[in-house]
Protein backbone atom coordinates (compact mmCIF):
# COMPACT_ATOMS: atom_id res chain seq x y z
CA MET A 1 1.09 -0.91 8.41
CA LYS A 2 -2.30 0.01 7.13
CA THR A 3 -5.07 0.17 9.71
CA ALA A 4 -6.96 -3.12 9.98
CA ILE A 5 -10.57 -3.70 10.93
CA GLN A 6 -11.16 -6.63 13.28
CA PHE A 7 -11.62 -9.94 11.48
CA CYS A 8 -15.28 -10.25 12.47
CA SER A 9 -15.97 -6.82 11.00
CA LEU A 10 -14.56 -7.84 7.66
CA LEU A 11 -16.60 -11.03 7.71
CA LEU A 12 -19.68 -8.85 8.16
CA VAL A 13 -18.58 -6.70 5.25
CA LEU A 14 -18.14 -9.81 3.10
CA THR A 15 -21.51 -11.18 4.16
CA CYS A 16 -23.26 -7.95 3.26
CA THR A 17 -21.37 -7.67 -0.01
CA SER A 18 -22.16 -11.24 -1.05
CA CYS A 19 -25.87 -10.45 -0.77
CA LYS A 20 -25.57 -7.72 -3.40
CA THR A 21 -26.44 -8.40 -7.01
CA GLN A 22 -24.28 -7.19 -9.87
CA SER A 23 -26.89 -4.48 -10.46
CA GLU A 24 -26.57 -3.26 -6.89
CA LEU A 25 -22.80 -3.15 -7.22
CA HIS A 26 -23.10 -1.00 -10.31
CA ASN A 27 -25.25 1.39 -8.31
CA HIS A 28 -22.03 2.19 -6.46
CA ASP A 29 -20.44 3.39 -9.68
CA THR A 30 -17.77 5.95 -8.85
CA SER A 31 -18.82 8.70 -11.20
CA ALA A 32 -18.93 12.32 -10.06
CA ASP A 33 -22.70 12.26 -10.59
CA ASN A 34 -23.24 9.45 -8.08
CA ASN A 35 -20.56 10.20 -5.46
CA GLU A 36 -19.40 13.45 -3.95
CA ILE A 37 -15.79 14.36 -4.67
CA LEU A 38 -14.31 14.98 -1.21
CA ILE A 39 -10.93 16.26 -2.43
CA ASN A 40 -10.59 17.49 -6.00
CA GLY A 41 -7.45 16.91 -8.02
CA ASN A 42 -5.49 14.46 -10.13
CA PHE A 43 -3.69 12.32 -7.55
CA SER A 44 -1.65 9.18 -8.14
CA ALA A 45 -1.59 7.50 -4.71
CA LEU A 46 -3.53 7.36 -1.46
CA GLU A 47 -2.78 6.43 2.16
CA VAL A 48 -4.64 6.90 5.46
CA ASP A 49 -2.97 6.83 8.88
CA ASP A 50 -4.24 5.58 12.23
CA PHE A 51 -5.61 9.03 13.10
CA GLY A 52 -7.70 9.29 9.95
CA ASN A 53 -5.37 11.74 8.19
CA ILE A 54 -5.35 11.34 4.42
CA TYR A 55 -2.21 11.49 2.29
CA LEU A 56 -2.35 12.06 -1.47
CA ILE A 57 0.45 12.26 -4.03
CA LYS A 58 -0.06 14.88 -6.74
CA ASN A 59 1.98 15.27 -9.94
CA ASN A 60 4.12 12.34 -8.77
CA ASN A 61 6.30 14.52 -6.51
CA GLN A 62 3.97 16.47 -4.22
CA LEU A 63 2.65 14.96 -1.00
CA HIS A 64 -0.48 16.54 0.50
CA LYS A 65 -1.75 15.77 4.01
CA TYR A 66 -5.43 16.33 4.88
CA ASP A 67 -7.29 15.94 8.15
CA GLU A 68 -10.34 13.70 8.54
CA ASN A 69 -12.56 16.60 7.47
CA TYR A 70 -10.62 16.91 4.18
CA ASN A 71 -8.86 20.17 5.11
CA LEU A 72 -5.37 20.55 3.67
CA LEU A 73 -2.84 20.63 6.52
CA PHE A 74 0.66 20.32 5.05
CA GLU A 75 2.49 19.85 1.75
CA TYR A 76 5.85 18.40 0.77
CA SER A 77 7.55 18.55 -2.63
CA SER A 78 10.35 16.34 -3.93
CA TYR A 79 11.22 18.22 -7.13
CA ARG A 80 14.97 17.76 -6.63
CA GLN A 81 14.76 14.09 -5.72
CA GLY A 82 12.41 12.69 -8.35
CA ILE A 83 9.11 10.83 -8.35
CA ILE A 84 7.63 9.53 -5.10
CA THR A 85 7.33 5.77 -5.55
CA THR A 86 6.18 4.82 -2.07
CA ILE A 87 4.58 6.43 0.95
CA ASP A 88 4.35 4.51 4.24
CA VAL A 89 2.36 6.22 7.02
CA SER A 90 2.24 3.30 9.46
CA ASN A 91 4.08 5.61 11.89
CA PRO A 92 2.55 9.10 11.41
CA GLN A 93 5.46 10.61 13.34
CA LYS A 94 8.01 9.05 10.99
CA ILE A 95 6.55 8.96 7.49
CA LEU A 96 8.64 7.09 4.94
CA LEU A 97 8.90 8.16 1.31
CA TYR A 98 10.84 6.26 -1.31
CA LEU A 99 12.02 7.81 -4.57
CA SER A 100 13.23 4.83 -6.57
CA GLU A 101 14.65 6.78 -9.50
CA TYR A 102 17.50 8.01 -7.31
CA GLN A 103 17.25 5.27 -4.64
CA HIS A 104 16.47 7.88 -1.96
CA ILE A 105 14.58 7.28 1.29
CA VAL A 106 13.14 10.39 2.96
CA PHE A 107 11.69 10.51 6.47
CA LEU A 108 9.15 13.21 7.34
CA ASP A 109 7.58 14.24 10.64
CA ASN A 110 3.86 14.77 11.15
CA THR A 111 4.09 18.25 9.58
CA LEU A 112 5.77 16.78 6.46
CA SER A 113 9.09 18.37 7.38
CA GLU A 114 12.21 16.38 6.48
CA ILE A 115 13.82 14.51 9.35
CA LYS A 116 16.40 12.46 7.50
CA THR A 117 17.39 11.16 4.06
CA LEU A 118 19.17 7.98 3.08
CA ASN A 119 20.76 7.05 -0.25
CA LEU A 120 20.62 3.31 -0.88
CA GLU A 121 23.12 3.42 -3.72
CA SER A 122 25.74 4.88 -1.38
CA LEU A 123 25.12 1.87 0.87
CA GLY A 124 25.70 -0.58 -1.98
CA TYR A 125 22.08 -1.41 -2.81
CA TRP A 126 21.14 -1.08 -6.48
CA GLN A 127 17.83 -1.35 -8.35
CA VAL A 128 15.71 -1.48 -5.19
CA ASN A 129 12.17 -0.95 -6.47
CA ASN A 130 10.44 -0.47 -3.16
CA VAL A 131 10.89 -0.26 0.60
CA GLY A 132 8.67 -0.38 3.69
CA LEU A 133 8.75 0.60 7.35
CA SER A 134 9.17 -2.32 9.75
CA ALA A 135 7.08 -2.78 12.89
CA ASP A 136 10.07 -1.60 14.97
CA ASN A 137 10.57 1.55 12.84
CA ASN A 138 13.47 0.21 10.83
CA ILE A 139 13.46 -0.27 7.05
CA TRP A 140 12.73 -3.33 4.94
CA ILE A 141 14.25 -3.42 1.47
CA TYR A 142 14.26 -6.16 -1.14
CA ASP A 143 17.39 -6.39 -3.29
CA PRO A 144 16.62 -8.25 -6.56
CA ASN A 145 20.30 -8.46 -7.46
CA ILE A 146 21.03 -10.82 -4.58
CA HIS A 147 17.42 -12.03 -4.12
CA GLN A 148 17.28 -11.10 -0.44
CA LEU A 149 14.95 -9.31 1.96
CA ILE A 150 17.05 -7.05 4.19
CA LYS A 151 16.30 -4.97 7.26
CA ILE A 152 18.41 -1.85 7.84
CA ASN A 153 18.16 0.97 10.35
CA ASP A 154 17.80 4.64 9.41
CA GLN A 155 21.58 4.97 9.46
CA GLY A 156 21.84 2.31 6.77
CA LYS A 157 23.30 -0.38 9.01
CA GLU A 158 22.19 -3.91 8.18
CA ILE A 159 20.25 -5.61 10.98
CA LEU A 160 19.27 -8.93 9.39
CA LYS A 161 18.56 -10.51 6.02
CA SER A 162 17.00 -13.55 4.42
CA ASN A 163 18.80 -16.33 2.64
CA GLU A 164 19.31 -15.85 -1.09
CA LEU A 165 16.10 -16.93 -2.81
CA ILE A 166 17.63 -18.72 -5.77
CA GLY A 167 15.95 -21.58 -7.62
CA LEU A 168 12.48 -20.91 -6.20
CA ASN A 169 10.91 -19.62 -9.44
CA ILE A 170 10.42 -16.17 -7.91
CA ASN A 171 9.73 -13.09 -10.02
CA ASP A 172 11.39 -10.43 -7.85
CA ASN A 173 12.45 -7.77 -10.36
CA SER A 174 9.33 -5.62 -9.98
CA VAL A 175 8.50 -5.28 -6.28
CA SER A 176 5.55 -2.88 -6.01
CA LYS A 177 4.90 -2.88 -2.26
CA ILE A 178 6.30 -4.15 1.05
CA MET A 179 3.71 -4.68 3.80
CA VAL A 180 4.14 -5.80 7.40
CA ASP A 181 2.20 -6.96 10.42
CA ASN A 182 3.44 -8.14 13.82
CA LEU A 183 4.30 -11.60 12.51
CA ASN A 184 5.10 -11.34 8.82
CA VAL A 185 6.57 -9.30 5.99
CA TYR A 186 4.92 -9.44 2.57
CA VAL A 187 6.80 -8.48 -0.58
CA ALA A 188 4.33 -7.92 -3.41
CA GLY A 189 5.56 -8.03 -6.99
CA GLU A 190 4.19 -8.72 -10.43
CA SER A 191 1.54 -11.47 -10.04
CA GLN A 192 3.20 -12.80 -6.90
CA ILE A 193 3.50 -12.17 -3.15
CA MET A 194 6.44 -13.46 -1.11
CA SER A 195 5.81 -14.10 2.60
CA PHE A 196 8.52 -13.92 5.27
CA ASP A 197 8.51 -13.97 9.06
CA VAL A 198 9.81 -10.95 11.01
CA PHE A 199 13.28 -12.50 11.07
CA ALA A 200 13.36 -12.46 7.24
CA GLN A 201 12.95 -16.22 6.95
CA PHE A 202 11.18 -17.11 3.71
CA ILE A 203 7.80 -18.86 4.12
CA LYS A 204 6.09 -19.14 0.74
CA THR A 205 4.93 -17.43 -2.43
CA THR A 206 1.33 -16.75 -3.44
CA ASP A 207 0.30 -16.18 -7.05
CA LEU A 208 -2.15 -13.31 -7.37
CA GLN A 209 -2.94 -10.87 -10.17
CA PHE A 210 -3.40 -7.31 -8.90
CA GLU A 211 -2.89 -3.67 -9.79
CA ASP A 212 -2.77 -2.45 -6.19
CA ILE A 213 -2.98 -4.33 -2.91
CA GLN A 214 -3.65 -3.78 0.80
CA PHE A 215 -2.94 -6.15 3.68
CA PHE A 216 -6.04 -6.39 5.86
CA ASN A 217 -5.94 -8.63 8.93
CA LYS A 218 -5.12 -12.01 7.35
CA GLN A 219 -6.71 -11.07 4.05
CA TRP A 220 -5.72 -9.36 0.83
CA LEU A 221 -7.72 -6.51 -0.60
CA TYR A 222 -6.65 -5.90 -4.16
CA LEU A 223 -7.57 -3.89 -7.21
CA LEU A 224 -8.01 -5.65 -10.53
CA ASP A 225 -9.96 -4.50 -13.60
CA ASN A 226 -11.73 -1.74 -11.63
CA LYS A 227 -12.87 -4.23 -9.00
CA ILE A 228 -11.72 -4.19 -5.39
CA MET A 229 -11.55 -7.84 -4.34
CA VAL A 230 -10.86 -9.75 -1.13
CA GLU A 231 -9.01 -13.05 -0.65
CA GLU A 232 -7.89 -15.07 2.35
CA ILE A 233 -4.12 -15.07 2.76
CA GLU A 234 -4.12 -18.78 3.61
CA THR A 235 -5.63 -19.68 0.24
CA THR A 236 -4.19 -19.37 -3.25
CA PHE A 237 -7.48 -18.79 -5.00
CA ALA A 238 -10.22 -16.17 -4.99
CA ILE A 239 -13.00 -16.90 -2.50
CA ASP A 240 -15.75 -16.74 -5.13
CA GLU A 241 -17.26 -14.30 -7.57
CA ASN A 242 -19.10 -12.58 -4.70
CA ALA A 243 -15.81 -11.55 -3.04
CA THR A 244 -16.01 -8.20 -4.82
CA LEU A 245 -16.18 -5.38 -2.29
CA PHE A 246 -16.60 -2.66 -4.88
CA GLU A 247 -16.94 -2.41 -8.63
CA SER A 248 -16.72 0.71 -10.78
CA LYS A 249 -17.20 1.74 -14.39
CA THR A 250 -14.90 4.69 -13.75
CA PRO A 251 -11.14 3.91 -13.62
CA ILE A 252 -9.82 3.51 -10.07
CA THR A 253 -6.31 4.80 -9.36
CA ASP A 254 -5.94 3.66 -5.74
CA PHE A 255 -8.01 2.65 -2.71
CA PHE A 256 -7.87 2.24 1.06
CA LEU A 257 -10.33 0.39 3.32
CA TYR A 258 -10.47 2.08 6.72
CA GLU A 259 -12.26 1.46 10.02
CA SER A 260 -16.03 0.91 10.06
CA GLY A 261 -16.03 -0.14 6.41
CA GLU A 262 -15.14 3.26 4.94
CA LEU A 263 -13.67 2.63 1.51
CA PHE A 264 -11.68 5.57 0.15
CA ILE A 265 -11.35 5.45 -3.63
CA LEU A 266 -9.06 7.59 -5.72
CA LEU A 267 -10.22 8.58 -9.20
CA LYS A 268 -8.58 10.83 -11.78
CA THR A 269 -10.94 13.60 -10.68
CA GLY A 270 -10.34 13.24 -6.96
CA LEU A 271 -11.15 11.30 -3.81
CA ILE A 272 -14.50 9.76 -2.94
CA LYS A 273 -15.69 7.59 -0.05
CA VAL A 274 -18.12 4.68 -0.10
CA LYS A 275 -19.62 2.88 2.89
CA ILE A 276 -19.27 -0.88 2.43
């Protein structure tokens, strides 16, 4: 699970952000001229663990791990297994990679050395777009063929599953991310988020347009049209037009909001950081 700032801290962030004019937001434009590139390169995805280590995916199949001072520590390549679809660093000692092209799950240790691999097709799961690490270090998968959220262990044994979600007008063929906290599991797909409890019991769906999304202590942070927005999970509408945390003229590839309001932003030219 991505590191969360305490709720009061985020409220402070929102308060400060709401005081900014559109002109002030544009002063945070993420061009190389205005912001220092901390790590150079063309990366496709970004994650940060609880220790402040930064993980970047390069060329779709190379995982790089950096320390909090942006020094490269370790590398991992998945040339033989395809494109890395997902990286989950909620447990830095058991990093989860998912390579959806071949339905492979790979576990890495904190030096990015392989611990274990799992082939979902061999277990009878087909067309699984994404997976996520559960709070108890098992694996959540969503199977669109049977419309079920399923928890398995790292041996592939089924632990529990939801009821079949049929007739609920759910678009579940393009799951882009699975996120968890201590109480819920969130399955994010195209324009929709499905909420479950930790026993895989379906709660509700939320309609939301996004290009990338982060769960953040009862709130969604999401990327849309080069804006990083915030929305309360308990609502089904954007807070207001001042709920923009960051806006850029330069295309944003990925983002991560870390402790103390440090917003890491991934551009085509590399990684920058902005203080919110």
